[in-house]
Every structure is written in structure tokens, then in C-alpha cells.
Amino acid sequence: MGWKTLLPIAAILLLSTSGCSYLFYPHAKDFTEKAKGATGLDTVINLTGMAEASAKSAKGGKGVDQAFDDLHNQFHAINDSICCVEKSVRERPGYALAVTHKKELTAIFKRLWKFKDDQPQRDQHLDLLVSELTELRETLHTLR
């Protein structure tokens, strides 16, 4: 086998075994550990609170400052953790709504990243992100 054959196989193995966010955003794992709750659901709820606080702290800033970097890593921690919620929770109808909120967060964060250097768009998207994080957390609380 040549290196051209082995490279895609190695990439697939690496990404499938370690999780994308933890490979490319290693601090996401640190935030997941800090937010660790009694259950996977509690961990995601804790992460949404952390991300909300970071988003509020990032207001008025520009670029990838510390609050924005923390928010970025917390966003990836939420993305990775929401699929690790207990199976009994994932099977409940409300979990589908939580996944929809996660997808909305992704769309908002992509726009936020685009406008991270531009005011007032950055702050407007941060406000929208906080609103969506609140909705996600409220949905997760109904799954308890």
C-alpha cells in the first residue's frame, strides 16, 4: 500500500476515534471536564451555562479575545457532549428538539465567527447565541 492509500485511512481512524472537536479544539475537552455533572445531561446543561456567561463576556470585544476563544471551545464541547447523553434521554421526544437547538446554535456560531471582528454584528450574533443557549438549556431541563 502506498502513502496515498494510507493517508485517508489514517485520517478516518484518527477522526473517528478521538472526536473532531477534541482533535482540533483540545480545550473543548477541558471545558467538558469542568462542566462534568452526575449525568451526561447535567454536563450539557452546565456547558450551556458556561457558554452563556462567555458569550456575555465576549460582548464589546473584537476578534478572538479570551472570552470569544472560551466560547468557541465551549461551543465545540456542547456539540460533542450532546450526543453522549444517556440513551434513555436520547429516546425521549424532547431530545429531538434539543438536537434542533444544537443545529441552530451551529448556524448562529458560524455567522458569529464571520462577524467576530465587526461591531455591531458581533454583539448582535452574541445576543442571538445567548437566546438560543437559553432555549437549549430550558429544553434540556425538561428531559430531567
N, C-alpha and C. Protein backbone atom coordinates (compact mmCIF):
# COMPACT_ATOMS: atom_id res chain seq x y z
N MET A 1 0.83 -1.17 0.00
CA MET A 1 0.00 0.00 0.00
C MET A 1 0.87 1.24 0.00
N GLY A 2 0.50 2.19 -0.84
CA GLY A 2 1.25 3.44 -0.90
C GLY A 2 0.73 4.44 0.11
N TRP A 3 1.49 5.53 0.27
CA TRP A 3 1.10 6.56 1.24
C TRP A 3 -0.19 7.24 0.86
N LYS A 4 -0.51 7.28 -0.45
CA LYS A 4 -1.76 7.90 -0.89
C LYS A 4 -2.97 7.09 -0.44
N THR A 5 -2.81 5.82 -0.25
CA THR A 5 -3.88 4.96 0.23
C THR A 5 -3.98 5.02 1.75
N LEU A 6 -2.84 5.04 2.41
CA LEU A 6 -2.82 5.02 3.87
C LEU A 6 -3.26 6.35 4.50
N LEU A 7 -2.99 7.46 3.84
CA LEU A 7 -3.33 8.76 4.41
C LEU A 7 -4.82 8.93 4.68
N PRO A 8 -5.71 8.63 3.72
CA PRO A 8 -7.15 8.76 4.02
C PRO A 8 -7.61 7.78 5.11
N ILE A 9 -7.05 6.59 5.12
CA ILE A 9 -7.42 5.60 6.14
C ILE A 9 -6.98 6.11 7.52
N ALA A 10 -5.78 6.63 7.62
CA ALA A 10 -5.28 7.16 8.89
C ALA A 10 -6.13 8.35 9.35
N ALA A 11 -6.50 9.21 8.43
CA ALA A 11 -7.33 10.38 8.78
C ALA A 11 -8.68 9.94 9.31
N ILE A 12 -9.30 8.98 8.66
CA ILE A 12 -10.61 8.48 9.10
C ILE A 12 -10.50 7.85 10.48
N LEU A 13 -9.47 7.04 10.69
CA LEU A 13 -9.27 6.42 12.00
C LEU A 13 -9.05 7.45 13.09
N LEU A 14 -8.23 8.44 12.81
CA LEU A 14 -7.93 9.47 13.80
C LEU A 14 -9.17 10.27 14.16
N LEU A 15 -9.94 10.66 13.17
CA LEU A 15 -11.13 11.45 13.43
C LEU A 15 -12.24 10.64 14.10
N SER A 16 -12.35 9.38 13.75
CA SER A 16 -13.44 8.58 14.32
C SER A 16 -13.14 8.11 15.74
N THR A 17 -11.88 8.08 16.14
CA THR A 17 -11.56 7.59 17.47
C THR A 17 -11.38 8.69 18.50
N SER A 18 -11.07 9.90 18.06
CA SER A 18 -10.79 10.94 19.06
C SER A 18 -11.81 12.06 19.09
N GLY A 19 -12.68 12.13 18.14
CA GLY A 19 -13.66 13.21 18.10
C GLY A 19 -13.04 14.44 17.49
N CYS A 20 -13.70 14.99 16.51
CA CYS A 20 -13.18 16.14 15.78
C CYS A 20 -12.85 17.32 16.68
N SER A 21 -13.77 17.69 17.53
CA SER A 21 -13.55 18.89 18.33
C SER A 21 -12.36 18.73 19.26
N TYR A 22 -12.18 17.56 19.84
CA TYR A 22 -11.07 17.39 20.74
C TYR A 22 -9.74 17.33 19.99
N LEU A 23 -9.77 16.95 18.75
CA LEU A 23 -8.56 16.94 17.95
C LEU A 23 -8.18 18.36 17.56
N PHE A 24 -9.14 19.11 17.05
CA PHE A 24 -8.87 20.45 16.55
C PHE A 24 -9.08 21.53 17.61
N TYR A 25 -9.84 21.24 18.64
CA TYR A 25 -10.13 22.19 19.71
C TYR A 25 -9.89 21.48 21.04
N PRO A 26 -8.61 21.27 21.40
CA PRO A 26 -8.32 20.47 22.59
C PRO A 26 -8.85 21.08 23.89
N HIS A 27 -9.05 22.38 23.94
CA HIS A 27 -9.57 23.00 25.16
C HIS A 27 -11.05 22.68 25.37
N ALA A 28 -11.73 22.22 24.32
CA ALA A 28 -13.13 21.81 24.48
C ALA A 28 -13.22 20.69 25.51
N LYS A 29 -12.26 19.79 25.49
CA LYS A 29 -12.25 18.69 26.46
C LYS A 29 -12.07 19.22 27.88
N ASP A 30 -11.25 20.27 28.03
CA ASP A 30 -11.05 20.87 29.35
C ASP A 30 -12.36 21.44 29.88
N PHE A 31 -13.11 22.11 29.02
CA PHE A 31 -14.39 22.68 29.45
C PHE A 31 -15.39 21.58 29.77
N THR A 32 -15.35 20.49 29.01
CA THR A 32 -16.25 19.37 29.31
C THR A 32 -15.94 18.81 30.69
N GLU A 33 -14.66 18.70 31.01
CA GLU A 33 -14.27 18.19 32.33
C GLU A 33 -14.72 19.15 33.44
N LYS A 34 -14.58 20.46 33.22
CA LYS A 34 -15.00 21.44 34.22
C LYS A 34 -16.51 21.40 34.44
N ALA A 35 -17.26 21.08 33.37
CA ALA A 35 -18.73 21.08 33.43
C ALA A 35 -19.29 19.73 33.84
N LYS A 36 -18.44 18.76 34.07
CA LYS A 36 -18.87 17.39 34.36
C LYS A 36 -19.93 17.35 35.45
N GLY A 37 -21.07 16.78 35.09
CA GLY A 37 -22.16 16.60 36.04
C GLY A 37 -22.34 15.15 36.40
N ALA A 38 -23.37 14.86 37.16
CA ALA A 38 -23.66 13.49 37.58
C ALA A 38 -24.05 12.63 36.37
N THR A 39 -24.65 13.27 35.36
CA THR A 39 -25.05 12.56 34.14
C THR A 39 -24.56 13.34 32.92
N GLY A 40 -24.64 12.71 31.77
CA GLY A 40 -24.29 13.40 30.53
C GLY A 40 -25.20 14.60 30.29
N LEU A 41 -26.47 14.45 30.65
CA LEU A 41 -27.43 15.54 30.50
C LEU A 41 -27.02 16.72 31.39
N ASP A 42 -26.63 16.44 32.62
CA ASP A 42 -26.19 17.51 33.52
C ASP A 42 -24.94 18.22 32.98
N THR A 43 -24.05 17.47 32.37
CA THR A 43 -22.85 18.06 31.79
C THR A 43 -23.21 19.06 30.69
N VAL A 44 -24.12 18.68 29.80
CA VAL A 44 -24.52 19.58 28.71
C VAL A 44 -25.23 20.82 29.28
N ILE A 45 -26.06 20.63 30.28
CA ILE A 45 -26.72 21.77 30.92
C ILE A 45 -25.68 22.72 31.50
N ASN A 46 -24.68 22.17 32.19
CA ASN A 46 -23.61 23.00 32.76
C ASN A 46 -22.83 23.73 31.67
N LEU A 47 -22.57 23.05 30.56
CA LEU A 47 -21.85 23.67 29.45
C LEU A 47 -22.64 24.84 28.85
N THR A 48 -23.95 24.70 28.76
CA THR A 48 -24.74 25.81 28.20
C THR A 48 -24.65 27.04 29.10
N GLY A 49 -24.63 26.82 30.41
CA GLY A 49 -24.47 27.95 31.32
C GLY A 49 -23.11 28.62 31.18
N MET A 50 -22.07 27.80 31.04
CA MET A 50 -20.71 28.34 30.85
C MET A 50 -20.63 29.13 29.56
N ALA A 51 -21.20 28.58 28.49
CA ALA A 51 -21.15 29.24 27.18
C ALA A 51 -21.93 30.55 27.21
N GLU A 52 -23.05 30.56 27.91
CA GLU A 52 -23.84 31.78 28.02
C GLU A 52 -23.03 32.88 28.73
N ALA A 53 -22.36 32.53 29.80
CA ALA A 53 -21.53 33.50 30.53
C ALA A 53 -20.38 34.01 29.65
N SER A 54 -19.76 33.12 28.89
CA SER A 54 -18.67 33.53 27.99
C SER A 54 -19.18 34.43 26.88
N ALA A 55 -20.36 34.12 26.34
CA ALA A 55 -20.94 34.95 25.28
C ALA A 55 -21.22 36.36 25.79
N LYS A 56 -21.72 36.45 27.00
CA LYS A 56 -21.98 37.77 27.59
C LYS A 56 -20.68 38.52 27.82
N SER A 57 -19.63 37.81 28.23
CA SER A 57 -18.32 38.44 28.44
C SER A 57 -17.67 38.87 27.13
N ALA A 58 -18.00 38.20 26.05
CA ALA A 58 -17.39 38.50 24.75
C ALA A 58 -17.99 39.74 24.09
N LYS A 59 -19.10 40.21 24.62
CA LYS A 59 -19.74 41.40 24.04
C LYS A 59 -18.80 42.60 24.14
N GLY A 60 -18.80 43.39 23.08
CA GLY A 60 -17.97 44.60 23.04
C GLY A 60 -16.55 44.33 22.59
N GLY A 61 -16.19 43.06 22.44
CA GLY A 61 -14.83 42.72 22.04
C GLY A 61 -14.66 42.68 20.54
N LYS A 62 -13.48 42.22 20.14
CA LYS A 62 -13.16 42.12 18.72
C LYS A 62 -12.19 40.97 18.51
N GLY A 63 -12.41 40.22 17.44
CA GLY A 63 -11.51 39.12 17.13
C GLY A 63 -11.66 37.97 18.11
N VAL A 64 -10.60 37.17 18.19
CA VAL A 64 -10.61 36.01 19.08
C VAL A 64 -9.93 36.39 20.38
N ASP A 65 -10.64 37.17 21.19
CA ASP A 65 -10.15 37.51 22.51
C ASP A 65 -10.40 36.31 23.44
N GLN A 66 -10.02 36.42 24.70
CA GLN A 66 -10.12 35.28 25.61
C GLN A 66 -11.55 34.79 25.77
N ALA A 67 -12.50 35.70 25.96
CA ALA A 67 -13.90 35.29 26.14
C ALA A 67 -14.43 34.61 24.88
N PHE A 68 -14.06 35.11 23.73
CA PHE A 68 -14.51 34.52 22.47
C PHE A 68 -13.88 33.14 22.27
N ASP A 69 -12.60 33.02 22.62
CA ASP A 69 -11.92 31.72 22.50
C ASP A 69 -12.56 30.70 23.44
N ASP A 70 -12.87 31.12 24.67
CA ASP A 70 -13.56 30.22 25.60
C ASP A 70 -14.90 29.79 25.03
N LEU A 71 -15.66 30.75 24.51
CA LEU A 71 -16.96 30.45 23.91
C LEU A 71 -16.82 29.46 22.77
N HIS A 72 -15.81 29.66 21.94
CA HIS A 72 -15.56 28.78 20.80
C HIS A 72 -15.34 27.34 21.27
N ASN A 73 -14.51 27.18 22.28
CA ASN A 73 -14.24 25.84 22.81
C ASN A 73 -15.45 25.25 23.51
N GLN A 74 -16.21 26.07 24.22
CA GLN A 74 -17.43 25.60 24.88
C GLN A 74 -18.47 25.18 23.85
N PHE A 75 -18.55 25.91 22.76
CA PHE A 75 -19.47 25.54 21.67
C PHE A 75 -19.13 24.13 21.16
N HIS A 76 -17.85 23.86 20.96
CA HIS A 76 -17.45 22.53 20.48
C HIS A 76 -17.67 21.47 21.56
N ALA A 77 -17.50 21.84 22.81
CA ALA A 77 -17.77 20.89 23.90
C ALA A 77 -19.25 20.52 23.92
N ILE A 78 -20.13 21.50 23.72
CA ILE A 78 -21.57 21.22 23.66
C ILE A 78 -21.87 20.29 22.50
N ASN A 79 -21.31 20.59 21.33
CA ASN A 79 -21.54 19.74 20.16
C ASN A 79 -21.12 18.30 20.40
N ASP A 80 -20.00 18.13 21.07
CA ASP A 80 -19.51 16.77 21.33
C ASP A 80 -20.30 16.08 22.44
N SER A 81 -20.73 16.84 23.43
CA SER A 81 -21.37 16.24 24.60
C SER A 81 -22.84 15.91 24.40
N ILE A 82 -23.52 16.62 23.53
CA ILE A 82 -24.96 16.40 23.40
C ILE A 82 -25.27 15.00 22.87
N CYS A 83 -24.37 14.46 22.08
CA CYS A 83 -24.61 13.10 21.56
C CYS A 83 -24.22 12.03 22.58
N CYS A 84 -23.60 12.44 23.68
CA CYS A 84 -23.17 11.49 24.72
C CYS A 84 -24.16 11.41 25.87
N VAL A 85 -25.30 12.06 25.70
CA VAL A 85 -26.35 12.00 26.72
C VAL A 85 -26.86 10.56 26.79
N GLU A 86 -27.29 10.15 27.95
CA GLU A 86 -27.73 8.78 28.17
C GLU A 86 -28.78 8.35 27.13
N LYS A 87 -28.73 7.09 26.77
CA LYS A 87 -29.64 6.55 25.75
C LYS A 87 -31.11 6.75 26.14
N SER A 88 -31.42 6.58 27.40
CA SER A 88 -32.82 6.74 27.84
C SER A 88 -33.31 8.17 27.59
N VAL A 89 -32.42 9.13 27.68
CA VAL A 89 -32.77 10.54 27.41
C VAL A 89 -32.88 10.77 25.91
N ARG A 90 -31.95 10.21 25.15
CA ARG A 90 -31.96 10.39 23.68
C ARG A 90 -33.21 9.82 23.04
N GLU A 91 -33.82 8.84 23.68
CA GLU A 91 -35.02 8.20 23.13
C GLU A 91 -36.29 9.00 23.40
N ARG A 92 -36.22 10.01 24.24
CA ARG A 92 -37.40 10.82 24.56
C ARG A 92 -37.65 11.85 23.48
N PRO A 93 -38.92 12.18 23.21
CA PRO A 93 -39.25 13.13 22.14
C PRO A 93 -38.59 14.50 22.30
N GLY A 94 -38.43 14.98 23.52
CA GLY A 94 -37.83 16.28 23.74
C GLY A 94 -36.38 16.38 23.29
N TYR A 95 -35.70 15.23 23.21
CA TYR A 95 -34.30 15.24 22.78
C TYR A 95 -34.18 15.71 21.33
N ALA A 96 -35.16 15.39 20.51
CA ALA A 96 -35.14 15.84 19.11
C ALA A 96 -35.14 17.37 19.05
N LEU A 97 -35.87 18.01 19.94
CA LEU A 97 -35.88 19.47 20.00
C LEU A 97 -34.52 19.99 20.44
N ALA A 98 -33.88 19.32 21.37
CA ALA A 98 -32.54 19.72 21.81
C ALA A 98 -31.55 19.65 20.65
N VAL A 99 -31.66 18.62 19.83
CA VAL A 99 -30.77 18.48 18.67
C VAL A 99 -31.04 19.62 17.68
N THR A 100 -32.31 19.99 17.52
CA THR A 100 -32.63 21.12 16.64
C THR A 100 -32.01 22.40 17.18
N HIS A 101 -32.08 22.62 18.49
CA HIS A 101 -31.44 23.80 19.08
C HIS A 101 -29.94 23.77 18.85
N LYS A 102 -29.33 22.59 18.95
CA LYS A 102 -27.89 22.47 18.71
C LYS A 102 -27.55 22.86 17.27
N LYS A 103 -28.39 22.45 16.33
CA LYS A 103 -28.16 22.80 14.92
C LYS A 103 -28.33 24.30 14.70
N GLU A 104 -29.29 24.90 15.40
CA GLU A 104 -29.46 26.35 15.30
C GLU A 104 -28.26 27.07 15.90
N LEU A 105 -27.73 26.55 16.99
CA LEU A 105 -26.52 27.13 17.58
C LEU A 105 -25.36 27.09 16.59
N THR A 106 -25.25 26.00 15.86
CA THR A 106 -24.18 25.87 14.88
C THR A 106 -24.31 26.94 13.80
N ALA A 107 -25.50 27.14 13.28
CA ALA A 107 -25.72 28.16 12.26
C ALA A 107 -25.39 29.56 12.80
N ILE A 108 -25.83 29.84 14.01
CA ILE A 108 -25.57 31.15 14.62
C ILE A 108 -24.08 31.33 14.85
N PHE A 109 -23.41 30.28 15.35
CA PHE A 109 -21.99 30.41 15.64
C PHE A 109 -21.18 30.63 14.36
N LYS A 110 -21.57 29.99 13.28
CA LYS A 110 -20.85 30.21 12.01
C LYS A 110 -20.95 31.66 11.58
N ARG A 111 -22.13 32.26 11.74
CA ARG A 111 -22.30 33.67 11.40
C ARG A 111 -21.51 34.55 12.39
N LEU A 112 -21.54 34.18 13.67
CA LEU A 112 -20.78 34.91 14.67
C LEU A 112 -19.30 34.90 14.33
N TRP A 113 -18.79 33.75 13.93
CA TRP A 113 -17.38 33.64 13.57
C TRP A 113 -17.07 34.58 12.41
N LYS A 114 -17.95 34.67 11.44
CA LYS A 114 -17.75 35.55 10.30
C LYS A 114 -17.66 37.01 10.74
N PHE A 115 -18.45 37.39 11.75
CA PHE A 115 -18.52 38.78 12.19
C PHE A 115 -17.75 39.05 13.48
N LYS A 116 -16.83 38.16 13.85
CA LYS A 116 -16.12 38.32 15.12
C LYS A 116 -15.33 39.63 15.20
N ASP A 117 -14.96 40.21 14.07
CA ASP A 117 -14.19 41.45 14.05
C ASP A 117 -15.04 42.68 13.80
N ASP A 118 -16.31 42.50 13.53
CA ASP A 118 -17.18 43.61 13.10
C ASP A 118 -18.26 43.90 14.13
N GLN A 119 -18.23 45.11 14.66
CA GLN A 119 -19.30 45.57 15.53
C GLN A 119 -20.28 46.38 14.69
N PRO A 120 -21.54 46.36 14.87
CA PRO A 120 -22.28 45.74 15.97
C PRO A 120 -22.72 44.31 15.66
N GLN A 121 -22.35 43.76 14.48
CA GLN A 121 -22.80 42.42 14.11
C GLN A 121 -22.36 41.36 15.11
N ARG A 122 -21.14 41.50 15.63
CA ARG A 122 -20.65 40.53 16.61
C ARG A 122 -21.59 40.49 17.81
N ASP A 123 -21.88 41.66 18.37
CA ASP A 123 -22.73 41.70 19.56
C ASP A 123 -24.15 41.23 19.26
N GLN A 124 -24.65 41.54 18.08
CA GLN A 124 -25.99 41.08 17.71
C GLN A 124 -26.04 39.56 17.65
N HIS A 125 -25.01 38.95 17.08
CA HIS A 125 -24.97 37.49 16.99
C HIS A 125 -24.71 36.86 18.36
N LEU A 126 -23.96 37.54 19.20
CA LEU A 126 -23.77 37.04 20.57
C LEU A 126 -25.10 37.04 21.32
N ASP A 127 -25.89 38.09 21.15
CA ASP A 127 -27.22 38.13 21.78
C ASP A 127 -28.09 36.98 21.29
N LEU A 128 -28.05 36.73 19.99
CA LEU A 128 -28.83 35.64 19.41
C LEU A 128 -28.34 34.29 19.94
N LEU A 129 -27.04 34.15 20.06
CA LEU A 129 -26.46 32.91 20.58
C LEU A 129 -26.89 32.68 22.03
N VAL A 130 -26.87 33.72 22.84
CA VAL A 130 -27.31 33.61 24.24
C VAL A 130 -28.76 33.17 24.30
N SER A 131 -29.59 33.74 23.46
CA SER A 131 -31.00 33.37 23.42
C SER A 131 -31.17 31.89 23.07
N GLU A 132 -30.42 31.43 22.10
CA GLU A 132 -30.52 30.02 21.68
C GLU A 132 -29.96 29.09 22.75
N LEU A 133 -28.89 29.50 23.43
CA LEU A 133 -28.36 28.69 24.53
C LEU A 133 -29.38 28.56 25.65
N THR A 134 -30.09 29.64 25.93
CA THR A 134 -31.13 29.61 26.96
C THR A 134 -32.24 28.63 26.56
N GLU A 135 -32.65 28.68 25.30
CA GLU A 135 -33.69 27.75 24.82
C GLU A 135 -33.21 26.31 24.90
N LEU A 136 -31.96 26.08 24.53
CA LEU A 136 -31.41 24.72 24.62
C LEU A 136 -31.40 24.25 26.08
N ARG A 137 -30.93 25.08 26.99
CA ARG A 137 -30.87 24.69 28.39
C ARG A 137 -32.27 24.40 28.94
N GLU A 138 -33.25 25.24 28.58
CA GLU A 138 -34.62 25.00 29.04
C GLU A 138 -35.16 23.68 28.50
N THR A 139 -34.85 23.38 27.25
CA THR A 139 -35.27 22.10 26.66
C THR A 139 -34.61 20.93 27.38
N LEU A 140 -33.32 21.08 27.69
CA LEU A 140 -32.61 20.01 28.39
C LEU A 140 -33.17 19.79 29.79
N HIS A 141 -33.58 20.87 30.45
CA HIS A 141 -34.16 20.73 31.79
C HIS A 141 -35.46 19.91 31.74
N THR A 142 -36.20 20.01 30.65
CA THR A 142 -37.44 19.22 30.56
C THR A 142 -37.14 17.73 30.42
N LEU A 143 -35.94 17.38 30.06
CA LEU A 143 -35.56 15.98 29.88
C LEU A 143 -35.09 15.32 31.17
N ARG A 144 -34.97 16.09 32.23
CA ARG A 144 -34.51 15.54 33.51
C ARG A 144 -35.51 14.58 34.10
